[in-house]
């Protein structure tokens, strides 16, 4: 099953780059990144809330929080540079 997830991930990553290139054409890249991030935030929290996965938050260990925060920060910086490059 993981192979299907990997293929879907690659497919949607490709769509992300295509849509980002088109979407950043007429707007500041930082603003485009903020809009994109807001959509992702709403979408993923919606999935977590509908799936009732939020009850697991209290059991997440501190070191896991640290690496999730670092991963999120690295993703954000990566997107900022990616959108600058696309623009």
PDB file of N, CA and C in Angstrom:
ATOM      1  N   UNK A   1       0.816  -1.195   0.000  1.00  0.00           N
ATOM      2  CA  UNK A   1       0.000   0.000   0.000  1.00  0.00           C
ATOM      3  C   UNK A   1       0.863   1.265   0.000  1.00  0.00           C
ATOM      4  N   UNK A   2       2.039   1.186   0.625  1.00  0.00           N
ATOM      5  CA  UNK A   2       2.891   2.369   0.718  1.00  0.00           C
ATOM      6  C   UNK A   2       3.315   2.860  -0.660  1.00  0.00           C
ATOM      7  N   UNK A   3       3.418   1.946  -1.621  1.00  0.00           N
ATOM      8  CA  UNK A   3       3.832   2.354  -2.970  1.00  0.00           C
ATOM      9  C   UNK A   3       2.774   3.246  -3.618  1.00  0.00           C
ATOM     10  N   UNK A   4       1.515   2.954  -3.366  1.00  0.00           N
ATOM     11  CA  UNK A   4       0.444   3.794  -3.894  1.00  0.00           C
ATOM     12  C   UNK A   4       0.487   5.181  -3.266  1.00  0.00           C
ATOM     13  N   UNK A   5       0.736   5.204  -1.962  1.00  0.00           N
ATOM     14  CA  UNK A   5       0.862   6.498  -1.284  1.00  0.00           C
ATOM     15  C   UNK A   5       2.047   7.296  -1.830  1.00  0.00           C
ATOM     16  N   UNK A   6       3.141   6.622  -2.108  1.00  0.00           N
ATOM     17  CA  UNK A   6       4.321   7.293  -2.654  1.00  0.00           C
ATOM     18  C   UNK A   6       4.029   7.858  -4.044  1.00  0.00           C
ATOM     19  N   UNK A   7       3.341   7.084  -4.875  1.00  0.00           N
ATOM     20  CA  UNK A   7       2.984   7.572  -6.210  1.00  0.00           C
ATOM     21  C   UNK A   7       2.014   8.752  -6.135  1.00  0.00           C
ATOM     22  N   UNK A   8       1.032   8.664  -5.260  1.00  0.00           N
ATOM     23  CA  UNK A   8       0.100   9.772  -5.083  1.00  0.00           C
ATOM     24  C   UNK A   8       0.818  11.021  -4.561  1.00  0.00           C
ATOM     25  N   UNK A   9       1.759  10.812  -3.661  1.00  0.00           N
ATOM     26  CA  UNK A   9       2.538  11.932  -3.138  1.00  0.00           C
ATOM     27  C   UNK A   9       3.315  12.614  -4.256  1.00  0.00           C
ATOM     28  N   UNK A  10       3.974  11.828  -5.093  1.00  0.00           N
ATOM     29  CA  UNK A  10       4.741  12.384  -6.203  1.00  0.00           C
ATOM     30  C   UNK A  10       3.827  13.110  -7.192  1.00  0.00           C
ATOM     31  N   UNK A  11       2.674  12.534  -7.470  1.00  0.00           N
ATOM     32  CA  UNK A  11       1.716  13.147  -8.388  1.00  0.00           C
ATOM     33  C   UNK A  11       1.251  14.504  -7.868  1.00  0.00           C
ATOM     34  N   UNK A  12       0.857  14.551  -6.590  1.00  0.00           N
ATOM     35  CA  UNK A  12       0.373  15.803  -6.034  1.00  0.00           C
ATOM     36  C   UNK A  12       1.494  16.817  -5.818  1.00  0.00           C
ATOM     37  N   UNK A  13       2.706  16.344  -5.576  1.00  0.00           N
ATOM     38  CA  UNK A  13       3.843  17.261  -5.492  1.00  0.00           C
ATOM     39  C   UNK A  13       4.078  17.924  -6.846  1.00  0.00           C
ATOM     40  N   UNK A  14       3.938  17.162  -7.923  1.00  0.00           N
ATOM     41  CA  UNK A  14       4.083  17.733  -9.262  1.00  0.00           C
ATOM     42  C   UNK A  14       2.980  18.759  -9.530  1.00  0.00           C
ATOM     43  N   UNK A  15       1.742  18.424  -9.158  1.00  0.00           N
ATOM     44  CA  UNK A  15       0.645  19.386  -9.316  1.00  0.00           C
ATOM     45  C   UNK A  15       0.892  20.650  -8.501  1.00  0.00           C
ATOM     46  N   UNK A  16       1.447  20.467  -7.308  1.00  0.00           N
ATOM     47  CA  UNK A  16       1.741  21.614  -6.451  1.00  0.00           C
ATOM     48  C   UNK A  16       2.686  22.586  -7.154  1.00  0.00           C
ATOM     49  N   UNK A  17       3.731  22.057  -7.755  1.00  0.00           N
ATOM     50  CA  UNK A  17       4.700  22.918  -8.438  1.00  0.00           C
ATOM     51  C   UNK A  17       4.064  23.613  -9.640  1.00  0.00           C
ATOM     52  N   UNK A  18       3.249  22.894 -10.386  1.00  0.00           N
ATOM     53  CA  UNK A  18       2.592  23.490 -11.555  1.00  0.00           C
ATOM     54  C   UNK A  18       1.619  24.585 -11.121  1.00  0.00           C
ATOM     55  N   UNK A  19       0.763  24.265 -10.153  1.00  0.00           N
ATOM     56  CA  UNK A  19      -0.217  25.245  -9.676  1.00  0.00           C
ATOM     57  C   UNK A  19       0.468  26.447  -9.035  1.00  0.00           C
ATOM     58  N   UNK A  20       1.559  26.204  -8.311  1.00  0.00           N
ATOM     59  CA  UNK A  20       2.285  27.300  -7.670  1.00  0.00           C
ATOM     60  C   UNK A  20       2.878  28.236  -8.710  1.00  0.00           C
ATOM     61  N   UNK A  21       3.442  27.683  -9.769  1.00  0.00           N
ATOM     62  CA  UNK A  21       4.037  28.500 -10.828  1.00  0.00           C
ATOM     63  C   UNK A  21       2.983  29.393 -11.468  1.00  0.00           C
ATOM     64  N   UNK A  22       1.804  28.843 -11.714  1.00  0.00           N
ATOM     65  CA  UNK A  22       0.721  29.626 -12.303  1.00  0.00           C
ATOM     66  C   UNK A  22       0.187  30.640 -11.290  1.00  0.00           C
ATOM     67  N   UNK A  23       0.019  30.207 -10.040  1.00  0.00           N
ATOM     68  CA  UNK A  23      -0.577  31.050  -9.014  1.00  0.00           C
ATOM     69  C   UNK A  23       0.284  32.203  -8.556  1.00  0.00           C
ATOM     70  N   UNK A  24       1.584  32.073  -8.654  1.00  0.00           N
ATOM     71  CA  UNK A  24       2.487  33.114  -8.165  1.00  0.00           C
ATOM     72  C   UNK A  24       2.775  34.162  -9.248  1.00  0.00           C
ATOM     73  N   UNK A  25       2.211  33.952 -10.417  1.00  0.00           N
ATOM     74  CA  UNK A  25       2.506  34.823 -11.556  1.00  0.00           C
ATOM     75  C   UNK A  25       2.190  36.292 -11.297  1.00  0.00           C
ATOM     76  N   UNK A  26       1.039  36.582 -10.699  1.00  0.00           N
ATOM     77  CA  UNK A  26       0.595  37.968 -10.561  1.00  0.00           C
ATOM     78  C   UNK A  26       0.510  38.443  -9.119  1.00  0.00           C
ATOM     79  N   UNK A  27       1.222  37.783  -8.205  1.00  0.00           N
ATOM     80  CA  UNK A  27       1.134  38.157  -6.794  1.00  0.00           C
ATOM     81  C   UNK A  27       2.523  38.004  -6.153  1.00  0.00           C
ATOM     82  N   UNK A  28       2.767  38.779  -5.116  1.00  0.00           N
ATOM     83  CA  UNK A  28       4.028  38.666  -4.384  1.00  0.00           C
ATOM     84  C   UNK A  28       4.189  37.245  -3.862  1.00  0.00           C
ATOM     85  N   UNK A  29       5.362  36.700  -3.977  1.00  0.00           N
ATOM     86  CA  UNK A  29       5.583  35.301  -3.603  1.00  0.00           C
ATOM     87  C   UNK A  29       5.368  35.052  -2.110  1.00  0.00           C
ATOM     88  N   UNK A  30       5.698  36.029  -1.257  1.00  0.00           N
ATOM     89  CA  UNK A  30       5.462  35.850   0.183  1.00  0.00           C
ATOM     90  C   UNK A  30       3.967  35.794   0.493  1.00  0.00           C
ATOM     91  N   UNK A  31       3.197  36.650  -0.169  1.00  0.00           N
ATOM     92  CA  UNK A  31       1.744  36.627   0.012  1.00  0.00           C
ATOM     93  C   UNK A  31       1.162  35.319  -0.515  1.00  0.00           C
ATOM     94  N   UNK A  32       1.655  34.860  -1.655  1.00  0.00           N
ATOM     95  CA  UNK A  32       1.194  33.589  -2.218  1.00  0.00           C
ATOM     96  C   UNK A  32       1.478  32.441  -1.252  1.00  0.00           C
ATOM     97  N   UNK A  33       2.645  32.447  -0.629  1.00  0.00           N
ATOM     98  CA  UNK A  33       2.992  31.415   0.336  1.00  0.00           C
ATOM     99  C   UNK A  33       2.071  31.480   1.548  1.00  0.00           C
ATOM    100  N   UNK A  34       1.761  32.676   2.020  1.00  0.00           N
ATOM    101  CA  UNK A  34       0.858  32.833   3.169  1.00  0.00           C
ATOM    102  C   UNK A  34      -0.537  32.308   2.838  1.00  0.00           C
ATOM    103  N   UNK A  35      -1.032  32.608   1.642  1.00  0.00           N
ATOM    104  CA  UNK A  35      -2.354  32.120   1.234  1.00  0.00           C
ATOM    105  C   UNK A  35      -2.349  30.599   1.155  1.00  0.00           C
ATOM    106  N   UNK A  36      -1.331  30.056   0.508  1.00  0.00           N
ATOM    107  CA  UNK A  36      -1.213  28.605   0.368  1.00  0.00           C
ATOM    108  C   UNK A  36      -1.139  27.920   1.731  1.00  0.00           C
ATOM    109  N   UNK A  37      -0.358  28.480   2.627  1.00  0.00           N
ATOM    110  CA  UNK A  37      -0.196  27.898   3.954  1.00  0.00           C
ATOM    111  C   UNK A  37      -1.498  27.933   4.737  1.00  0.00           C
ATOM    112  N   UNK A  38      -2.263  29.004   4.590  1.00  0.00           N
ATOM    113  CA  UNK A  38      -3.549  29.102   5.274  1.00  0.00           C
ATOM    114  C   UNK A  38      -4.505  28.022   4.782  1.00  0.00           C
ATOM    115  N   UNK A  39      -4.537  27.793   3.481  1.00  0.00           N
ATOM    116  CA  UNK A  39      -5.393  26.743   2.919  1.00  0.00           C
ATOM    117  C   UNK A  39      -4.970  25.383   3.464  1.00  0.00           C
ATOM    118  N   UNK A  40      -3.674  25.125   3.486  1.00  0.00           N
ATOM    119  CA  UNK A  40      -3.166  23.849   3.999  1.00  0.00           C
ATOM    120  C   UNK A  40      -3.525  23.690   5.473  1.00  0.00           C
ATOM    121  N   UNK A  41      -3.374  24.760   6.240  1.00  0.00           N
ATOM    122  CA  UNK A  41      -3.702  24.731   7.668  1.00  0.00           C
ATOM    123  C   UNK A  41      -5.161  24.355   7.879  1.00  0.00           C
ATOM    124  N   UNK A  42      -6.064  25.015   7.181  1.00  0.00           N
ATOM    125  CA  UNK A  42      -7.492  24.728   7.321  1.00  0.00           C
ATOM    126  C   UNK A  42      -7.823  23.311   6.862  1.00  0.00           C
ATOM    127  N   UNK A  43      -7.250  22.915   5.754  1.00  0.00           N
ATOM    128  CA  UNK A  43      -7.508  21.589   5.192  1.00  0.00           C
ATOM    129  C   UNK A  43      -7.042  20.474   6.130  1.00  0.00           C
ATOM    130  N   UNK A  44      -5.818  20.573   6.618  1.00  0.00           N
ATOM    131  CA  UNK A  44      -5.283  19.504   7.456  1.00  0.00           C
ATOM    132  C   UNK A  44      -5.942  19.456   8.835  1.00  0.00           C
ATOM    133  N   UNK A  45      -6.245  20.628   9.426  1.00  0.00           N
ATOM    134  CA  UNK A  45      -6.964  20.614  10.708  1.00  0.00           C
ATOM    135  C   UNK A  45      -8.367  20.056  10.522  1.00  0.00           C
ATOM    136  N   UNK A  46      -8.985  20.334   9.389  1.00  0.00           N
ATOM    137  CA  UNK A  46     -10.297  19.757   9.102  1.00  0.00           C
ATOM    138  C   UNK A  46     -10.238  18.246   9.072  1.00  0.00           C
ATOM    139  N   UNK A  47      -9.226  17.707   8.416  1.00  0.00           N
ATOM    140  CA  UNK A  47      -9.057  16.247   8.366  1.00  0.00           C
ATOM    141  C   UNK A  47      -8.820  15.686   9.760  1.00  0.00           C
ATOM    142  N   UNK A  48      -7.966  16.343  10.537  1.00  0.00           N
ATOM    143  CA  UNK A  48      -7.652  15.862  11.886  1.00  0.00           C
ATOM    144  C   UNK A  48      -8.893  15.899  12.782  1.00  0.00           C
ATOM    145  N   UNK A  49      -9.696  16.952  12.663  1.00  0.00           N
ATOM    146  CA  UNK A  49     -10.884  17.083  13.509  1.00  0.00           C
ATOM    147  C   UNK A  49     -11.987  16.108  13.102  1.00  0.00           C
ATOM    148  N   UNK A  50     -12.208  15.959  11.808  1.00  0.00           N
ATOM    149  CA  UNK A  50     -13.236  15.033  11.335  1.00  0.00           C
ATOM    150  C   UNK A  50     -12.843  13.595  11.672  1.00  0.00           C
ATOM    151  N   UNK A  51     -11.556  13.296  11.557  1.00  0.00           N
ATOM    152  CA  UNK A  51     -11.073  11.951  11.858  1.00  0.00           C
ATOM    153  C   UNK A  51     -10.874  11.695  13.335  1.00  0.00           C
ATOM    154  N   UNK A  52     -11.186  12.655  14.163  1.00  0.00           N
ATOM    155  CA  UNK A  52     -11.031  12.582  15.627  1.00  0.00           C
ATOM    156  C   UNK A  52      -9.620  12.162  16.041  1.00  0.00           C
ATOM    157  N   UNK A  53      -8.631  12.665  15.332  1.00  0.00           N
ATOM    158  CA  UNK A  53      -7.235  12.356  15.661  1.00  0.00           C
ATOM    159  C   UNK A  53      -6.670  13.306  16.712  1.00  0.00           C
ATOM    160  N   UNK A  54      -7.408  14.340  17.052  1.00  0.00           N
ATOM    161  CA  UNK A  54      -6.885  15.348  17.965  1.00  0.00           C
ATOM    162  C   UNK A  54      -6.767  14.856  19.398  1.00  0.00           C
ATOM    163  N   UNK A  55      -7.425  13.768  19.734  1.00  0.00           N
ATOM    164  CA  UNK A  55      -7.315  13.244  21.094  1.00  0.00           C
ATOM    165  C   UNK A  55      -5.912  12.731  21.389  1.00  0.00           C
ATOM    166  N   UNK A  56      -5.127  12.493  20.356  1.00  0.00           N
ATOM    167  CA  UNK A  56      -3.758  11.990  20.516  1.00  0.00           C
ATOM    168  C   UNK A  56      -2.754  13.087  20.843  1.00  0.00           C
ATOM    169  N   UNK A  57      -3.157  14.350  20.777  1.00  0.00           N
ATOM    170  CA  UNK A  57      -2.209  15.457  20.966  1.00  0.00           C
ATOM    171  C   UNK A  57      -1.516  15.385  22.324  1.00  0.00           C
ATOM    172  N   UNK A  58      -2.258  15.084  23.359  1.00  0.00           N
ATOM    173  CA  UNK A  58      -1.686  15.081  24.710  1.00  0.00           C
ATOM    174  C   UNK A  58      -0.632  14.005  24.916  1.00  0.00           C
ATOM    175  N   UNK A  59      -0.652  12.971  24.095  1.00  0.00           N
ATOM    176  CA  UNK A  59       0.294  11.876  24.280  1.00  0.00           C
ATOM    177  C   UNK A  59       1.555  12.011  23.418  1.00  0.00           C
ATOM    178  N   UNK A  60       1.683  13.117  22.694  1.00  0.00           N
ATOM    179  CA  UNK A  60       2.869  13.311  21.851  1.00  0.00           C
ATOM    180  C   UNK A  60       4.054  13.700  22.727  1.00  0.00           C
ATOM    181  N   UNK A  61       5.150  12.940  22.657  1.00  0.00           N
ATOM    182  CA  UNK A  61       6.337  13.249  23.486  1.00  0.00           C
ATOM    183  C   UNK A  61       6.996  14.569  23.075  1.00  0.00           C
ATOM    184  N   UNK A  62       7.720  15.154  24.000  1.00  0.00           N
ATOM    185  CA  UNK A  62       8.385  16.433  23.780  1.00  0.00           C
ATOM    186  C   UNK A  62       9.337  16.428  22.607  1.00  0.00           C
ATOM    187  N   UNK A  63      10.147  15.361  22.470  1.00  0.00           N
ATOM    188  CA  UNK A  63      11.112  15.324  21.369  1.00  0.00           C
ATOM    189  C   UNK A  63      10.395  15.246  20.018  1.00  0.00           C
ATOM    190  N   UNK A  64       9.229  14.621  19.990  1.00  0.00           N
ATOM    191  CA  UNK A  64       8.448  14.558  18.758  1.00  0.00           C
ATOM    192  C   UNK A  64       7.933  15.943  18.396  1.00  0.00           C
ATOM    193  N   UNK A  65       7.448  16.689  19.402  1.00  0.00           N
ATOM    194  CA  UNK A  65       7.021  18.076  19.176  1.00  0.00           C
ATOM    195  C   UNK A  65       8.166  18.898  18.587  1.00  0.00           C
ATOM    196  N   UNK A  66       9.356  18.735  19.171  1.00  0.00           N
ATOM    197  CA  UNK A  66      10.515  19.487  18.707  1.00  0.00           C
ATOM    198  C   UNK A  66      10.760  19.245  17.226  1.00  0.00           C
ATOM    199  N   UNK A  67      10.778  17.983  16.827  1.00  0.00           N
ATOM    200  CA  UNK A  67      11.078  17.675  15.435  1.00  0.00           C
ATOM    201  C   UNK A  67       9.931  18.030  14.500  1.00  0.00           C
ATOM    202  N   UNK A  68       8.692  17.979  14.974  1.00  0.00           N
ATOM    203  CA  UNK A  68       7.572  18.441  14.157  1.00  0.00           C
ATOM    204  C   UNK A  68       7.638  19.950  13.939  1.00  0.00           C
ATOM    205  N   UNK A  69       8.010  20.690  14.981  1.00  0.00           N
ATOM    206  CA  UNK A  69       8.161  22.140  14.853  1.00  0.00           C
ATOM    207  C   UNK A  69       9.316  22.469  13.904  1.00  0.00           C
ATOM    208  N   UNK A  70      10.449  21.784  14.069  1.00  0.00           N
ATOM    209  CA  UNK A  70      11.589  22.012  13.167  1.00  0.00           C
ATOM    210  C   UNK A  70      11.231  21.664  11.721  1.00  0.00           C
ATOM    211  N   UNK A  71      10.511  20.570  11.537  1.00  0.00           N
ATOM    212  CA  UNK A  71      10.078  20.175  10.206  1.00  0.00           C
ATOM    213  C   UNK A  71       9.140  21.218   9.598  1.00  0.00           C
ATOM    214  N   UNK A  72       8.217  21.722  10.403  1.00  0.00           N
ATOM    215  CA  UNK A  72       7.309  22.760   9.928  1.00  0.00           C
ATOM    216  C   UNK A  72       8.043  24.032   9.550  1.00  0.00           C
ATOM    217  N   UNK A  73       9.009  24.425  10.363  1.00  0.00           N
ATOM    218  CA  UNK A  73       9.791  25.630  10.063  1.00  0.00           C
ATOM    219  C   UNK A  73      10.606  25.435   8.782  1.00  0.00           C
ATOM    220  N   UNK A  74      11.220  24.276   8.637  1.00  0.00           N
ATOM    221  CA  UNK A  74      12.004  23.994   7.431  1.00  0.00           C
ATOM    222  C   UNK A  74      11.104  23.973   6.192  1.00  0.00           C
ATOM    223  N   UNK A  75       9.905  23.422   6.332  1.00  0.00           N
ATOM    224  CA  UNK A  75       8.960  23.413   5.219  1.00  0.00           C
ATOM    225  C   UNK A  75       8.573  24.832   4.832  1.00  0.00           C
ATOM    226  N   UNK A  76       8.285  25.661   5.823  1.00  0.00           N
ATOM    227  CA  UNK A  76       7.910  27.047   5.548  1.00  0.00           C
ATOM    228  C   UNK A  76       9.004  27.813   4.831  1.00  0.00           C
ATOM    229  N   UNK A  77      10.232  27.670   5.298  1.00  0.00           N
ATOM    230  CA  UNK A  77      11.359  28.358   4.655  1.00  0.00           C
ATOM    231  C   UNK A  77      11.560  27.812   3.242  1.00  0.00           C
ATOM    232  N   UNK A  78      11.424  26.507   3.080  1.00  0.00           N
ATOM    233  CA  UNK A  78      11.547  25.894   1.762  1.00  0.00           C
ATOM    234  C   UNK A  78      10.506  26.465   0.804  1.00  0.00           C
ATOM    235  N   UNK A  79       9.275  26.604   1.256  1.00  0.00           N
ATOM    236  CA  UNK A  79       8.212  27.153   0.403  1.00  0.00           C
ATOM    237  C   UNK A  79       8.496  28.600   0.039  1.00  0.00           C
ATOM    238  N   UNK A  80       8.976  29.372   0.994  1.00  0.00           N
ATOM    239  CA  UNK A  80       9.294  30.770   0.699  1.00  0.00           C
ATOM    240  C   UNK A  80      10.336  30.867  -0.423  1.00  0.00           C
ATOM    241  N   UNK A  81      11.380  30.073  -0.318  1.00  0.00           N
ATOM    242  CA  UNK A  81      12.418  30.093  -1.352  1.00  0.00           C
ATOM    243  C   UNK A  81      11.910  29.515  -2.664  1.00  0.00           C
ATOM    244  N   UNK A  82      11.081  28.489  -2.586  1.00  0.00           N
ATOM    245  CA  UNK A  82      10.517  27.886  -3.790  1.00  0.00           C
ATOM    246  C   UNK A  82       9.662  28.894  -4.536  1.00  0.00           C
ATOM    247  N   UNK A  83       8.816  29.613  -3.826  1.00  0.00           N
ATOM    248  CA  UNK A  83       7.954  30.602  -4.476  1.00  0.00           C
ATOM    249  C   UNK A  83       8.763  31.786  -5.019  1.00  0.00           C
ATOM    250  N   UNK A  84       9.833  32.155  -4.317  1.00  0.00           N
ATOM    251  CA  UNK A  84      10.724  33.201  -4.855  1.00  0.00           C
ATOM    252  C   UNK A  84      11.326  32.735  -6.177  1.00  0.00           C
ATOM    253  N   UNK A  85      11.752  31.482  -6.208  1.00  0.00           N
ATOM    254  CA  UNK A  85      12.364  30.929  -7.431  1.00  0.00           C
ATOM    255  C   UNK A  85      11.337  30.830  -8.563  1.00  0.00           C
ATOM    256  N   UNK A  86      10.110  30.430  -8.233  1.00  0.00           N
ATOM    257  CA  UNK A  86       9.073  30.309  -9.252  1.00  0.00           C
ATOM    258  C   UNK A  86       8.673  31.658  -9.824  1.00  0.00           C
ATOM    259  N   UNK A  87       8.736  32.681  -8.985  1.00  0.00           N
ATOM    260  CA  UNK A  87       8.321  34.016  -9.428  1.00  0.00           C
ATOM    261  C   UNK A  87       9.348  34.566 -10.396  1.00  0.00           C
TER     262      UNK A  87
END
